[in-house]
C-alpha cells in the first residue's frame, strides 16, 4: 500500500547545521567544508541507490560538482544564523521498480528547480537494515538561493512563508505526480496529501517514529516498549501544542492588561491637565465624550511632582 509522506525542513547555522554536512551525509560521500576546513566523510555509510544534481539551465559548470556547489551555497551566507539549505523528504512507493522510483524523485526535483531556480541534490535511499522493507525514500536537498549563470543570488523566501501556500502546492504536486506513475505502472493504490479528516476517514493518524525509535526497533527492542515510547512522544507533542496555545492566550491577556493600564494613565493625565483624552488608547466612553476641563488657573509642580492649581487673582 502506497503511503504519503512529504516534509520540508530547513538547515540553519543557528542550530549548528551545515549544508556541506547535510549533503555529505545524504549522499554518503566525502565533502570538505572550505569555510571550516573540516572533512565530512560518510563514504562508509552506504544505503544510497541513486545520486543526482539538478540545476537550472545556464548554471555554472562548478554547480554540477557536489562539493563545489555546497561550499558555494555556504559562502553565499554571511550571517551566523543563516538558513543554508532546505530539504524535501519524500516517501517513494514500493510498488514501483528501483529505476522508476529514482526517476520519480528526480522529476519532482526538476519541477522544484524549474519553479524556484534553485539547485537540488537528490539522494534516493533504500530501506534501513532491520526496518520496514517498504520504506523507500529520497532526500531532496535544496539551496536556499536561486542559481544564475553568475552564481547564487536572491533567496527563495516564498518557501519560508506559510502564507504563500508554496509548501501546500508541492504537497499536492507530489501526490499528483506519484499517482500518475502508479497509474502508468498499472497499480491501483493511490496516495493523498490531505488529512484523514478531509478524506472522510475515521481512524487515528499514524505517529512518525523518527530516527531514534527506528534505531531502537532495529536493535530488537520489544514492540510493547516501542509502542509506549511512541505514545509518550505523541503525548509530548500534544503537551507542547497545549503549552503553546496557553502561552498565546497569556500573551493576549497581558497585552489587553497593558492597553487597559495605558488607557487609565491617559485618562488620569487628561483629567489633571484639562486636556482631551487621546483616541485609541483604551479611553473608551470618556474619550468619545471628552473629559471635563478643570477651571482656569496657573499650574505649578510641587516638590513631590504632583500638580496643584492656584486660581488667578
Protein backbone atom coordinates (compact mmCIF):
# COMPACT_ATOMS: atom_id res chain seq x y z
CA UNK A 1 0.00 0.00 0.00
CA UNK A 2 1.49 3.34 -1.09
CA UNK A 3 1.97 5.79 1.80
CA UNK A 4 2.04 9.56 1.58
CA UNK A 5 4.92 11.32 3.29
CA UNK A 6 6.44 14.70 2.49
CA UNK A 7 8.12 17.02 4.96
CA UNK A 8 10.07 20.23 4.41
CA UNK A 9 12.91 21.07 6.79
CA UNK A 10 15.43 23.90 6.99
CA UNK A 11 19.12 23.63 7.88
CA UNK A 12 20.27 26.61 9.94
CA UNK A 13 23.61 27.65 11.39
CA UNK A 14 21.68 28.80 14.45
CA UNK A 15 21.08 25.09 15.19
CA UNK A 16 24.66 24.08 14.41
CA UNK A 17 23.74 22.71 10.99
CA UNK A 18 25.76 22.90 7.79
CA UNK A 19 24.90 22.42 4.12
CA UNK A 20 28.15 20.54 3.50
CA UNK A 21 27.47 18.10 6.35
CA UNK A 22 23.88 17.56 5.19
CA UNK A 23 24.97 16.94 1.58
CA UNK A 24 27.78 14.55 2.58
CA UNK A 25 25.53 12.54 4.91
CA UNK A 26 22.62 12.22 2.50
CA UNK A 27 24.78 11.32 -0.48
CA UNK A 28 27.14 9.10 1.59
CA UNK A 29 30.22 10.83 0.17
CA UNK A 30 33.21 12.90 1.28
CA UNK A 31 32.86 16.69 1.25
CA UNK A 32 35.42 19.14 2.61
CA UNK A 33 33.99 22.35 4.07
CA UNK A 34 36.14 25.22 2.81
CA UNK A 35 34.73 27.58 5.44
CA UNK A 36 35.78 25.46 8.43
CA UNK A 37 38.41 23.21 6.87
CA UNK A 38 36.63 20.08 8.12
CA UNK A 39 36.33 16.91 6.05
CA UNK A 40 32.91 15.30 6.34
CA UNK A 41 33.35 11.65 5.35
CA UNK A 42 30.23 9.47 5.17
CA UNK A 43 31.51 7.25 2.35
CA UNK A 44 31.15 4.13 4.52
CA UNK A 45 27.52 4.87 5.34
CA UNK A 46 26.03 3.15 2.30
CA UNK A 47 22.34 2.76 1.55
CA UNK A 48 22.24 5.33 -1.28
CA UNK A 49 20.81 3.87 -4.50
CA UNK A 50 20.90 6.99 -6.66
CA UNK A 51 22.53 10.43 -6.54
CA UNK A 52 21.91 13.28 -8.93
CA UNK A 53 22.34 17.05 -9.02
CA UNK A 54 19.56 19.01 -10.71
CA UNK A 55 20.41 22.62 -11.58
CA UNK A 56 18.69 25.37 -13.59
CA UNK A 57 19.58 25.86 -17.28
CA UNK A 58 22.63 28.08 -17.70
CA UNK A 59 24.02 27.25 -14.26
CA UNK A 60 27.83 27.50 -13.91
CA UNK A 61 29.85 24.33 -14.57
CA UNK A 62 31.02 24.20 -10.94
CA UNK A 63 27.40 23.76 -9.84
CA UNK A 64 27.48 20.22 -11.26
CA UNK A 65 30.15 19.24 -8.73
CA UNK A 66 28.61 18.42 -5.36
CA UNK A 67 31.47 19.68 -3.15
CA UNK A 68 31.83 22.99 -5.03
CA UNK A 69 28.06 23.51 -5.14
CA UNK A 70 27.54 23.24 -1.38
CA UNK A 71 30.67 25.19 -0.50
CA UNK A 72 29.38 27.98 -2.74
CA UNK A 73 25.99 27.76 -1.00
CA UNK A 74 27.73 28.14 2.37
CA UNK A 75 29.90 31.02 1.13
CA UNK A 76 26.80 32.90 -0.09
CA UNK A 77 25.54 33.14 3.51
CA UNK A 78 27.29 35.61 5.81
CA UNK A 79 25.16 35.62 8.97
CA UNK A 80 25.84 33.31 11.87
CA UNK A 81 22.17 32.25 11.94
CA UNK A 82 21.68 31.87 8.18
CA UNK A 83 19.49 29.15 6.71
CA UNK A 84 21.94 27.30 4.46
CA UNK A 85 19.78 24.55 2.93
CA UNK A 86 16.23 23.28 2.66
CA UNK A 87 15.20 19.64 2.42
CA UNK A 88 12.20 17.85 0.96
CA UNK A 89 11.95 14.35 2.43
CA UNK A 90 9.62 12.11 0.44
CA UNK A 91 8.42 8.51 0.68
CA UNK A 92 8.71 6.58 -2.57
CA UNK A 93 6.10 3.91 -3.39
CA UNK A 94 7.39 0.36 -3.01
CA UNK A 95 5.06 -0.65 -5.84
CA UNK A 96 7.46 0.94 -8.36
CA UNK A 97 10.77 -0.52 -9.53
CA UNK A 98 14.05 0.99 -8.33
CA UNK A 99 14.67 2.88 -11.58
CA UNK A 100 11.10 4.18 -11.56
CA UNK A 101 11.45 5.45 -8.00
CA UNK A 102 14.70 7.25 -8.87
CA UNK A 103 13.12 8.83 -11.96
CA UNK A 104 10.11 9.93 -9.90
CA UNK A 105 12.34 11.65 -7.30
CA UNK A 106 14.47 13.36 -9.97
CA UNK A 107 11.41 14.54 -11.90
CA UNK A 108 9.98 16.05 -8.73
CA UNK A 109 13.32 17.78 -8.08
CA UNK A 110 13.34 19.12 -11.63
CA UNK A 111 9.86 20.60 -11.11
CA UNK A 112 11.15 22.41 -7.99
CA UNK A 113 14.16 23.71 -9.92
CA UNK A 114 12.00 24.92 -12.81
CA UNK A 115 9.78 26.95 -10.50
CA UNK A 116 12.24 28.27 -7.90
CA UNK A 117 15.50 28.29 -9.93
CA UNK A 118 17.46 26.73 -7.05
CA UNK A 119 19.76 23.69 -7.20
CA UNK A 120 18.58 20.33 -5.82
CA UNK A 121 20.76 17.42 -4.68
CA UNK A 122 18.78 14.17 -4.94
CA UNK A 123 19.70 11.12 -2.84
CA UNK A 124 17.49 8.04 -3.07
CA UNK A 125 17.84 5.75 -0.03
CA UNK A 126 16.93 2.12 0.32
CA UNK A 127 15.06 0.87 3.43
CA UNK A 128 17.23 0.55 6.52
CA UNK A 129 18.51 -2.82 7.67
CA UNK A 130 16.06 -4.47 10.02
CA UNK A 131 13.36 -1.90 9.30
CA UNK A 132 10.30 -1.85 7.08
CA UNK A 133 11.36 -3.18 3.67
CA UNK A 134 8.86 -0.82 2.01
CA UNK A 135 10.49 2.32 3.46
CA UNK A 136 11.96 3.59 0.19
CA UNK A 137 12.55 7.33 0.42
CA UNK A 138 14.52 10.22 -1.01
CA UNK A 139 16.14 13.37 0.33
CA UNK A 140 15.97 16.44 -1.92
CA UNK A 141 18.47 18.95 -0.52
CA UNK A 142 17.79 22.39 -1.99
CA UNK A 143 19.86 25.55 -1.99
CA UNK A 144 18.10 28.50 -0.36
CA UNK A 145 19.20 30.89 -3.12
CA UNK A 146 18.44 30.99 -6.82
CA UNK A 147 21.30 29.81 -9.01
CA UNK A 148 22.10 32.02 -12.02
CA UNK A 149 24.96 31.95 -14.56
CA UNK A 150 26.73 34.43 -12.25
CA UNK A 151 26.24 32.27 -9.14
CA UNK A 152 23.85 32.39 -6.21
CA UNK A 153 21.58 35.43 -5.98
CA UNK A 154 18.36 36.17 -4.07
CA UNK A 155 16.72 33.87 -1.52
CA UNK A 156 13.78 31.58 -2.29
CA UNK A 157 11.82 33.15 0.56
CA UNK A 158 8.47 32.10 -0.88
CA UNK A 159 9.19 28.64 0.56
CA UNK A 160 9.72 30.10 4.05
CA UNK A 161 6.35 31.82 4.40
CA UNK A 162 3.30 29.65 5.05
CA UNK A 163 1.07 32.43 3.70
CA UNK A 164 2.35 31.93 0.13
CA UNK A 165 0.95 28.39 0.00
CA UNK A 166 4.07 27.09 -1.79
CA UNK A 167 4.60 24.13 0.52
CA UNK A 168 0.94 23.15 0.17
CA UNK A 169 1.36 23.41 -3.60
CA UNK A 170 4.30 21.00 -3.53
CA UNK A 171 2.47 18.59 -1.24
CA UNK A 172 -0.37 18.45 -3.76
CA UNK A 173 2.04 18.20 -6.69
CA UNK A 174 3.91 15.29 -5.14
CA UNK A 175 0.70 13.34 -4.65
CA UNK A 176 -0.41 14.03 -8.21
CA UNK A 177 2.96 13.07 -9.74
CA UNK A 178 3.20 9.87 -7.69
CA UNK A 179 -0.34 8.84 -8.63
CA UNK A 180 0.47 9.42 -12.30
CA UNK A 181 3.39 6.99 -12.09
CA UNK A 182 1.35 4.43 -10.16
CA UNK A 183 -1.32 4.60 -12.84
CA UNK A 184 1.26 4.18 -15.61
CA UNK A 185 2.56 1.09 -13.81
CA UNK A 186 -0.97 -0.33 -13.57
CA UNK A 187 -1.04 -0.11 -9.77
CA UNK A 188 -4.42 0.55 -8.15
CA UNK A 189 -3.01 2.14 -4.97
CA UNK A 190 -3.08 5.93 -4.68
CA UNK A 191 -1.74 8.47 -2.16
CA UNK A 192 -3.50 11.59 -0.84
CA UNK A 193 -1.85 14.68 0.64
CA UNK A 194 -4.98 15.66 2.60
CA UNK A 195 -5.62 14.93 6.26
CA UNK A 196 -7.66 11.88 7.24
CA UNK A 197 -10.49 14.16 8.32
CA UNK A 198 -10.54 15.89 4.94
CA UNK A 199 -10.61 12.48 3.25
CA UNK A 200 -13.53 11.38 5.43
CA UNK A 201 -11.50 8.55 7.01
CA UNK A 202 -12.19 7.82 10.67
CA UNK A 203 -9.02 6.40 12.20
CA UNK A 204 -6.21 7.59 14.43
CA UNK A 205 -3.35 9.15 12.44
CA UNK A 206 -0.07 7.22 12.48
CA UNK A 207 2.75 8.64 14.61
CA UNK A 208 6.00 9.18 12.74
CA UNK A 209 8.65 7.14 14.58
CA UNK A 210 11.67 9.22 13.67
CA UNK A 211 15.29 8.05 13.63
CA UNK A 212 15.53 7.27 17.36
CA UNK A 213 12.60 4.85 17.54
CA UNK A 214 13.62 3.28 14.23
CA UNK A 215 17.13 2.65 15.54
CA UNK A 216 15.72 1.06 18.71
CA UNK A 217 13.47 -1.14 16.59
CA UNK A 218 16.46 -2.38 14.59
CA UNK A 219 18.22 -3.32 17.84
CA UNK A 220 15.42 -5.69 18.76
CA UNK A 221 13.68 -3.59 21.41
CA UNK A 222 10.30 -5.26 22.21
CA UNK A 223 7.30 -3.92 20.29
CA UNK A 224 5.46 -3.04 23.52
CA UNK A 225 8.33 -0.78 24.56
CA UNK A 226 8.34 0.91 21.16
CA UNK A 227 4.57 1.42 21.36
CA UNK A 228 4.94 3.02 24.80
CA UNK A 229 7.72 5.29 23.53
CA UNK A 230 5.61 6.26 20.52
CA UNK A 231 2.64 7.05 22.80
CA UNK A 232 4.86 9.11 25.09
CA UNK A 233 6.19 11.01 22.11
CA UNK A 234 2.65 11.72 20.87
CA UNK A 235 1.66 12.92 24.35
CA UNK A 236 4.74 15.15 24.48
CA UNK A 237 3.84 16.71 21.13
CA UNK A 238 0.26 17.28 22.31
CA UNK A 239 1.52 18.83 25.55
CA UNK A 240 3.76 21.19 23.59
CA UNK A 241 0.85 22.26 21.43
CA UNK A 242 -1.29 22.90 24.52
CA UNK A 243 1.52 24.89 26.17
CA UNK A 244 1.93 26.96 23.03
CA UNK A 245 -1.82 27.68 22.97
CA UNK A 246 -1.78 28.62 26.66
CA UNK A 247 1.25 30.88 26.12
CA UNK A 248 -0.57 32.62 23.27
CA UNK A 249 -3.61 33.16 25.50
CA UNK A 250 -1.48 34.60 28.31
CA UNK A 251 0.30 36.93 25.89
CA UNK A 252 -3.03 38.20 24.58
CA UNK A 253 -4.30 38.78 28.13
CA UNK A 254 -1.06 40.56 29.06
CA UNK A 255 -1.39 42.83 26.04
CA UNK A 256 -5.00 43.61 26.98
CA UNK A 257 -3.97 44.49 30.56
CA UNK A 258 -1.21 46.72 29.19
CA UNK A 259 -3.68 48.57 26.98
CA UNK A 260 -6.06 48.99 29.94
CA UNK A 261 -3.29 50.44 32.14
CA UNK A 262 -2.23 52.85 29.41
CA UNK A 263 -5.83 53.94 29.00
CA UNK A 264 -6.20 54.58 32.74
CA UNK A 265 -2.99 56.61 32.86
CA UNK A 266 -4.09 58.64 29.87
CA UNK A 267 -7.45 59.44 31.48
CA UNK A 268 -5.74 60.45 34.74
CA UNK A 269 -3.35 62.81 32.98
CA UNK A 270 -6.15 64.32 30.94
CA UNK A 271 -8.33 64.91 33.99
CA UNK A 272 -5.41 66.53 35.82
CA UNK A 273 -4.41 68.81 32.95
CA UNK A 274 -7.81 69.55 31.49
CA UNK A 275 -6.82 68.20 28.08
CA UNK A 276 -8.91 65.90 25.93
CA UNK A 277 -8.02 62.19 26.16
CA UNK A 278 -6.27 60.68 23.14
CA UNK A 279 -8.28 58.34 20.95
CA UNK A 280 -7.34 54.67 20.58
CA UNK A 281 -5.54 54.11 23.91
CA UNK A 282 -8.33 52.45 25.81
CA UNK A 283 -10.06 55.70 26.82
CA UNK A 284 -13.44 54.27 25.96
CA UNK A 285 -16.56 56.38 26.51
CA UNK A 286 -14.61 59.20 28.15
CA UNK A 287 -12.54 59.62 25.00
CA UNK A 288 -15.69 59.80 22.90
CA UNK A 289 -17.44 62.29 25.18
CA UNK A 290 -14.40 64.32 26.08
CA UNK A 291 -13.14 64.76 29.65
CA UNK A 292 -14.43 67.78 31.58
CA UNK A 293 -12.00 70.67 31.67
CA UNK A 294 -10.83 71.99 35.02
CA UNK A 295 -11.23 75.64 35.98
CA UNK A 296 -8.59 78.00 34.61
CA UNK A 297 -5.53 78.86 36.66
CA UNK A 298 -1.83 78.57 36.83
CA UNK A 299 -0.29 75.11 37.30
CA UNK A 300 2.84 74.65 39.30
CA UNK A 301 4.65 71.44 40.29
CA UNK A 302 5.12 70.76 43.92
CA UNK A 303 8.32 69.20 45.23
CA UNK A 304 6.56 65.81 45.21
CA UNK A 305 5.76 66.03 41.48
CA UNK A 306 2.01 66.40 41.97
CA UNK A 307 0.16 69.11 40.09
CA UNK A 308 -1.67 71.75 42.11
CA UNK A 309 -3.80 74.54 40.82
CA UNK A 310 -3.93 78.13 42.01
CA UNK A 311 -6.78 80.30 40.91
CA UNK A 312 -5.92 83.54 39.20
CA UNK A 313 -6.45 86.55 41.37
